[in-house]
PDB file of N, CA and C in Angstrom:
ATOM      1  N   UNK A   1       1.363  -1.127  -0.247  1.00  0.00           N
ATOM      2  CA  UNK A   1      -0.163  -0.223  -0.239  1.00  0.00           C
ATOM      3  C   UNK A   1       0.565   1.428  -0.294  1.00  0.00           C
ATOM      4  N   UNK A   2       0.798   2.332  -1.221  1.00  0.00           N
ATOM      5  CA  UNK A   2       1.108   3.030  -1.032  1.00  0.00           C
ATOM      6  C   UNK A   2       0.763   4.321   0.185  1.00  0.00           C
ATOM      7  N   UNK A   3       2.103   5.390   0.621  1.00  0.00           N
ATOM      8  CA  UNK A   3       2.159   6.229   1.218  1.00  0.00           C
ATOM      9  C   UNK A   3       0.703   7.028   1.586  1.00  0.00           C
ATOM     10  N   UNK A   4       0.280   7.387   0.364  1.00  0.00           N
ATOM     11  CA  UNK A   4      -1.123   8.505   0.044  1.00  0.00           C
ATOM     12  C   UNK A   4      -2.410   7.780   0.374  1.00  0.00           C
ATOM     13  N   UNK A   5      -2.237   6.731   0.341  1.00  0.00           N
ATOM     14  CA  UNK A   5      -3.363   5.767   0.389  1.00  0.00           C
ATOM     15  C   UNK A   5      -3.097   4.897   2.097  1.00  0.00           C
ATOM     16  N   UNK A   6      -2.532   5.264   2.542  1.00  0.00           N
ATOM     17  CA  UNK A   6      -2.250   4.879   4.014  1.00  0.00           C
ATOM     18  C   UNK A   6      -2.728   6.169   4.785  1.00  0.00           C
ATOM     19  N   UNK A   7      -2.435   6.944   3.713  1.00  0.00           N
ATOM     20  CA  UNK A   7      -2.636   8.437   4.938  1.00  0.00           C
ATOM     21  C   UNK A   7      -3.426   8.297   4.766  1.00  0.00           C
ATOM     22  N   UNK A   8      -3.899   8.475   3.785  1.00  0.00           N
ATOM     23  CA  UNK A   8      -5.744   8.938   3.599  1.00  0.00           C
ATOM     24  C   UNK A   8      -6.917   7.912   4.427  1.00  0.00           C
ATOM     25  N   UNK A   9      -6.317   6.569   4.946  1.00  0.00           N
ATOM     26  CA  UNK A   9      -6.764   5.509   5.637  1.00  0.00           C
ATOM     27  C   UNK A   9      -6.677   5.644   6.863  1.00  0.00           C
ATOM     28  N   UNK A  10      -5.650   6.387   7.332  1.00  0.00           N
ATOM     29  CA  UNK A  10      -5.287   6.616   8.678  1.00  0.00           C
ATOM     30  C   UNK A  10      -6.284   8.062   9.034  1.00  0.00           C
ATOM     31  N   UNK A  11      -6.652   9.024   7.866  1.00  0.00           N
ATOM     32  CA  UNK A  11      -6.475  10.124   8.075  1.00  0.00           C
ATOM     33  C   UNK A  11      -8.578  10.003   8.506  1.00  0.00           C
ATOM     34  N   UNK A  12      -9.234   8.797   7.590  1.00  0.00           N
ATOM     35  CA  UNK A  12      -9.986   8.279   7.910  1.00  0.00           C
ATOM     36  C   UNK A  12     -10.540   7.663   9.080  1.00  0.00           C
ATOM     37  N   UNK A  13      -9.906   7.149   9.698  1.00  0.00           N
ATOM     38  CA  UNK A  13     -10.159   6.694  10.740  1.00  0.00           C
ATOM     39  C   UNK A  13     -10.083   7.670  11.608  1.00  0.00           C
ATOM     40  N   UNK A  14      -9.482   8.642  11.826  1.00  0.00           N
ATOM     41  CA  UNK A  14      -9.027   9.545  13.259  1.00  0.00           C
ATOM     42  C   UNK A  14     -10.255  10.216  12.819  1.00  0.00           C
ATOM     43  N   UNK A  15     -10.427  10.475  11.726  1.00  0.00           N
ATOM     44  CA  UNK A  15     -11.844  11.314  11.525  1.00  0.00           C
ATOM     45  C   UNK A  15     -12.865  10.743  11.994  1.00  0.00           C
ATOM     46  N   UNK A  16     -13.346   9.579  12.266  1.00  0.00           N
ATOM     47  CA  UNK A  16     -14.302   8.768  12.120  1.00  0.00           C
ATOM     48  C   UNK A  16     -14.444   8.756  13.874  1.00  0.00           C
ATOM     49  N   UNK A  17     -13.239   8.357  14.512  1.00  0.00           N
ATOM     50  CA  UNK A  17     -12.835   8.547  15.958  1.00  0.00           C
ATOM     51  C   UNK A  17     -13.376   9.928  16.770  1.00  0.00           C
ATOM     52  N   UNK A  18     -12.805  11.170  15.839  1.00  0.00           N
ATOM     53  CA  UNK A  18     -13.154  12.124  16.550  1.00  0.00           C
ATOM     54  C   UNK A  18     -14.665  12.583  16.597  1.00  0.00           C
ATOM     55  N   UNK A  19     -15.460  12.429  15.627  1.00  0.00           N
ATOM     56  CA  UNK A  19     -16.948  13.110  15.453  1.00  0.00           C
ATOM     57  C   UNK A  19     -17.871  11.827  15.902  1.00  0.00           C
ATOM     58  N   UNK A  20     -17.101  10.855  16.052  1.00  0.00           N
ATOM     59  CA  UNK A  20     -18.346   9.354  16.941  1.00  0.00           C
ATOM     60  C   UNK A  20     -18.384   9.667  18.033  1.00  0.00           C
ATOM     61  N   UNK A  21     -19.955   9.626  18.782  1.00  0.00           N
ATOM     62  CA  UNK A  21     -20.188   9.818  20.092  1.00  0.00           C
ATOM     63  C   UNK A  21     -20.969   8.821  20.372  1.00  0.00           C
ATOM     64  N   UNK A  22     -21.083   7.807  21.554  1.00  0.00           N
ATOM     65  CA  UNK A  22     -21.691   6.976  21.170  1.00  0.00           C
ATOM     66  C   UNK A  22     -22.382   7.305  22.423  1.00  0.00           C
ATOM     67  N   UNK A  23     -23.752   6.603  22.601  1.00  0.00           N
ATOM     68  CA  UNK A  23     -24.790   6.628  23.609  1.00  0.00           C
ATOM     69  C   UNK A  23     -24.328   6.752  24.701  1.00  0.00           C
ATOM     70  N   UNK A  24     -24.428   7.541  25.940  1.00  0.00           N
ATOM     71  CA  UNK A  24     -23.862   7.376  26.866  1.00  0.00           C
ATOM     72  C   UNK A  24     -24.884   6.791  27.809  1.00  0.00           C
ATOM     73  N   UNK A  25     -24.646   6.391  28.486  1.00  0.00           N
ATOM     74  CA  UNK A  25     -25.701   5.128  29.571  1.00  0.00           C
ATOM     75  C   UNK A  25     -25.326   6.022  30.896  1.00  0.00           C
ATOM     76  N   UNK A  26     -25.879   7.005  31.249  1.00  0.00           N
ATOM     77  CA  UNK A  26     -26.151   7.429  32.484  1.00  0.00           C
ATOM     78  C   UNK A  26     -26.067   6.815  33.955  1.00  0.00           C
ATOM     79  N   UNK A  27     -26.948   5.841  33.742  1.00  0.00           N
ATOM     80  CA  UNK A  27     -27.460   5.072  34.951  1.00  0.00           C
ATOM     81  C   UNK A  27     -26.477   3.696  35.447  1.00  0.00           C
ATOM     82  N   UNK A  28     -25.310   3.104  34.530  1.00  0.00           N
ATOM     83  CA  UNK A  28     -24.385   3.254  34.546  1.00  0.00           C
ATOM     84  C   UNK A  28     -23.020   3.574  34.870  1.00  0.00           C
ATOM     85  N   UNK A  29     -22.902   4.838  34.583  1.00  0.00           N
ATOM     86  CA  UNK A  29     -21.808   6.135  35.345  1.00  0.00           C
ATOM     87  C   UNK A  29     -22.016   6.150  36.485  1.00  0.00           C
ATOM     88  N   UNK A  30     -23.627   6.745  36.934  1.00  0.00           N
ATOM     89  CA  UNK A  30     -23.940   6.672  38.200  1.00  0.00           C
ATOM     90  C   UNK A  30     -23.515   5.469  39.256  1.00  0.00           C
ATOM     91  N   UNK A  31     -23.706   4.053  38.799  1.00  0.00           N
ATOM     92  CA  UNK A  31     -23.452   3.144  39.827  1.00  0.00           C
ATOM     93  C   UNK A  31     -21.899   3.280  39.775  1.00  0.00           C
ATOM     94  N   UNK A  32     -21.395   3.578  38.717  1.00  0.00           N
ATOM     95  CA  UNK A  32     -19.496   2.961  38.800  1.00  0.00           C
ATOM     96  C   UNK A  32     -19.182   4.115  39.856  1.00  0.00           C
ATOM     97  N   UNK A  33     -19.644   5.424  39.715  1.00  0.00           N
ATOM     98  CA  UNK A  33     -19.214   6.288  40.689  1.00  0.00           C
ATOM     99  C   UNK A  33     -19.611   6.487  41.788  1.00  0.00           C
ATOM    100  N   UNK A  34     -20.726   5.637  42.214  1.00  0.00           N
ATOM    101  CA  UNK A  34     -21.386   5.226  43.739  1.00  0.00           C
ATOM    102  C   UNK A  34     -20.368   4.062  44.038  1.00  0.00           C
ATOM    103  N   UNK A  35     -20.347   3.335  43.134  1.00  0.00           N
ATOM    104  CA  UNK A  35     -19.502   2.410  43.632  1.00  0.00           C
ATOM    105  C   UNK A  35     -17.735   2.753  44.304  1.00  0.00           C
ATOM    106  N   UNK A  36     -16.924   3.574  43.492  1.00  0.00           N
ATOM    107  CA  UNK A  36     -16.338   3.798  43.654  1.00  0.00           C
ATOM    108  C   UNK A  36     -16.051   4.837  45.171  1.00  0.00           C
ATOM    109  N   UNK A  37     -17.321   5.697  45.130  1.00  0.00           N
ATOM    110  CA  UNK A  37     -17.102   6.665  46.220  1.00  0.00           C
ATOM    111  C   UNK A  37     -17.306   5.313  47.630  1.00  0.00           C
ATOM    112  N   UNK A  38     -18.084   4.220  47.301  1.00  0.00           N
ATOM    113  CA  UNK A  38     -18.211   3.453  49.115  1.00  0.00           C
ATOM    114  C   UNK A  38     -16.842   3.118  49.067  1.00  0.00           C
ATOM    115  N   UNK A  39     -16.121   2.558  47.514  1.00  0.00           N
ATOM    116  CA  UNK A  39     -14.941   1.490  47.691  1.00  0.00           C
ATOM    117  C   UNK A  39     -13.445   2.917  48.507  1.00  0.00           C
ATOM    118  N   UNK A  40     -13.962   4.031  48.525  1.00  0.00           N
ATOM    119  CA  UNK A  40     -12.683   4.845  48.688  1.00  0.00           C
ATOM    120  C   UNK A  40     -13.283   5.486  50.407  1.00  0.00           C
ATOM    121  N   UNK A  41     -14.609   5.013  51.334  1.00  0.00           N
ATOM    122  CA  UNK A  41     -15.043   5.910  51.985  1.00  0.00           C
ATOM    123  C   UNK A  41     -14.574   4.743  53.309  1.00  0.00           C
ATOM    124  N   UNK A  42     -14.528   2.992  52.342  1.00  0.00           N
ATOM    125  CA  UNK A  42     -13.891   2.197  53.585  1.00  0.00           C
ATOM    126  C   UNK A  42     -12.407   2.228  53.493  1.00  0.00           C
ATOM    127  N   UNK A  43     -11.679   2.210  52.363  1.00  0.00           N
ATOM    128  CA  UNK A  43     -10.134   2.174  52.788  1.00  0.00           C
ATOM    129  C   UNK A  43      -9.612   3.590  53.537  1.00  0.00           C
ATOM    130  N   UNK A  44     -10.517   4.280  53.531  1.00  0.00           N
ATOM    131  CA  UNK A  44     -10.097   5.544  54.271  1.00  0.00           C
ATOM    132  C   UNK A  44     -10.243   5.927  55.861  1.00  0.00           C
ATOM    133  N   UNK A  45     -10.958   5.211  56.017  1.00  0.00           N
ATOM    134  CA  UNK A  45     -11.691   4.673  57.526  1.00  0.00           C
ATOM    135  C   UNK A  45     -10.663   3.971  58.275  1.00  0.00           C
ATOM    136  N   UNK A  46     -10.000   2.689  57.463  1.00  0.00           N
ATOM    137  CA  UNK A  46      -9.036   1.970  58.159  1.00  0.00           C
ATOM    138  C   UNK A  46      -7.583   1.653  58.108  1.00  0.00           C
ATOM    139  N   UNK A  47      -7.593   2.989  56.952  1.00  0.00           N
ATOM    140  CA  UNK A  47      -5.844   2.884  55.918  1.00  0.00           C
ATOM    141  C   UNK A  47      -5.829   4.164  57.134  1.00  0.00           C
ATOM    142  N   UNK A  48      -4.113   4.065  57.921  1.00  0.00           N
ATOM    143  CA  UNK A  48      -3.535   4.597  58.798  1.00  0.00           C
ATOM    144  C   UNK A  48      -2.322   6.044  57.706  1.00  0.00           C
ATOM    145  N   UNK A  49      -2.554   6.700  58.429  1.00  0.00           N
ATOM    146  CA  UNK A  49      -1.857   7.527  57.236  1.00  0.00           C
ATOM    147  C   UNK A  49      -0.043   7.354  57.554  1.00  0.00           C
ATOM    148  N   UNK A  50       0.879   7.285  57.419  1.00  0.00           N
ATOM    149  CA  UNK A  50       2.288   7.260  57.922  1.00  0.00           C
ATOM    150  C   UNK A  50       2.702   8.367  58.075  1.00  0.00           C
ATOM    151  N   UNK A  51       2.627   9.404  57.427  1.00  0.00           N
ATOM    152  CA  UNK A  51       3.075  10.852  57.681  1.00  0.00           C
ATOM    153  C   UNK A  51       2.570  11.327  58.919  1.00  0.00           C
ATOM    154  N   UNK A  52       1.542  11.271  59.741  1.00  0.00           N
ATOM    155  CA  UNK A  52       0.782  12.085  60.011  1.00  0.00           C
ATOM    156  C   UNK A  52       1.154  11.407  61.438  1.00  0.00           C
ATOM    157  N   UNK A  53       2.347  10.346  62.231  1.00  0.00           N
ATOM    158  CA  UNK A  53       2.366   9.813  62.757  1.00  0.00           C
ATOM    159  C   UNK A  53       2.921  10.902  64.443  1.00  0.00           C
ATOM    160  N   UNK A  54       2.681  10.724  65.574  1.00  0.00           N
ATOM    161  CA  UNK A  54       2.366  12.219  66.502  1.00  0.00           C
ATOM    162  C   UNK A  54       4.027  11.849  67.178  1.00  0.00           C
ATOM    163  N   UNK A  55       4.606  10.784  67.006  1.00  0.00           N
ATOM    164  CA  UNK A  55       5.877  10.631  67.399  1.00  0.00           C
ATOM    165  C   UNK A  55       6.853  10.738  66.961  1.00  0.00           C
ATOM    166  N   UNK A  56       7.048  11.527  65.572  1.00  0.00           N
ATOM    167  CA  UNK A  56       7.734  11.686  64.641  1.00  0.00           C
ATOM    168  C   UNK A  56       8.922  12.721  64.930  1.00  0.00           C
ATOM    169  N   UNK A  57      10.382  12.444  64.432  1.00  0.00           N
ATOM    170  CA  UNK A  57      11.339  13.320  64.700  1.00  0.00           C
ATOM    171  C   UNK A  57      11.096  14.583  64.692  1.00  0.00           C
ATOM    172  N   UNK A  58      10.844  15.153  63.671  1.00  0.00           N
ATOM    173  CA  UNK A  58      10.402  16.347  62.975  1.00  0.00           C
ATOM    174  C   UNK A  58       9.317  17.260  64.108  1.00  0.00           C
ATOM    175  N   UNK A  59       8.449  16.452  64.701  1.00  0.00           N
ATOM    176  CA  UNK A  59       7.092  17.321  65.181  1.00  0.00           C
ATOM    177  C   UNK A  59       8.293  17.187  66.595  1.00  0.00           C
ATOM    178  N   UNK A  60       8.802  16.653  66.998  1.00  0.00           N
ATOM    179  CA  UNK A  60       9.333  16.472  68.450  1.00  0.00           C
ATOM    180  C   UNK A  60      10.445  16.931  69.049  1.00  0.00           C
ATOM    181  N   UNK A  61      10.392  18.728  69.679  1.00  0.00           N
ATOM    182  CA  UNK A  61      11.483  18.875  70.165  1.00  0.00           C
ATOM    183  C   UNK A  61      12.610  18.292  70.561  1.00  0.00           C
ATOM    184  N   UNK A  62      12.989  17.454  71.134  1.00  0.00           N
ATOM    185  CA  UNK A  62      13.317  16.753  71.831  1.00  0.00           C
ATOM    186  C   UNK A  62      14.049  15.566  71.296  1.00  0.00           C
ATOM    187  N   UNK A  63      13.796  15.839  70.155  1.00  0.00           N
ATOM    188  CA  UNK A  63      14.564  15.087  68.814  1.00  0.00           C
ATOM    189  C   UNK A  63      15.538  15.057  69.042  1.00  0.00           C
ATOM    190  N   UNK A  64      16.845  14.465  68.813  1.00  0.00           N
ATOM    191  CA  UNK A  64      18.390  14.727  68.731  1.00  0.00           C
ATOM    192  C   UNK A  64      18.431  15.911  67.400  1.00  0.00           C
ATOM    193  N   UNK A  65      17.741  15.223  66.237  1.00  0.00           N
ATOM    194  CA  UNK A  65      17.474  16.661  65.082  1.00  0.00           C
ATOM    195  C   UNK A  65      17.822  17.940  65.975  1.00  0.00           C
ATOM    196  N   UNK A  66      16.685  18.206  66.497  1.00  0.00           N
ATOM    197  CA  UNK A  66      16.129  19.467  66.666  1.00  0.00           C
ATOM    198  C   UNK A  66      17.195  19.980  67.364  1.00  0.00           C
ATOM    199  N   UNK A  67      17.757  19.095  68.100  1.00  0.00           N
ATOM    200  CA  UNK A  67      19.085  19.510  69.147  1.00  0.00           C
ATOM    201  C   UNK A  67      20.062  20.482  68.720  1.00  0.00           C
ATOM    202  N   UNK A  68      20.715  19.728  67.546  1.00  0.00           N
ATOM    203  CA  UNK A  68      21.768  19.945  66.237  1.00  0.00           C
ATOM    204  C   UNK A  68      21.549  21.486  65.695  1.00  0.00           C
ATOM    205  N   UNK A  69      20.520  21.714  65.797  1.00  0.00           N
ATOM    206  CA  UNK A  69      20.189  23.226  65.113  1.00  0.00           C
ATOM    207  C   UNK A  69      21.376  23.782  66.288  1.00  0.00           C
TER     208      UNK A  69
END
């Protein structure tokens, strides 16, 4: 296949993809978003943030790194 025909075919495919708008199933989208919201709320309750540790050396004024200043 020559370069001109190949480019024309790629252009046609790109144009078809650009202007193609499939029907949107809003109820399926709502179910998916609701499932993600439920999953993230379950994860955030049980997961502990490692950066919020109160005994962190940076937050502790009695830490050896604080005395070095």
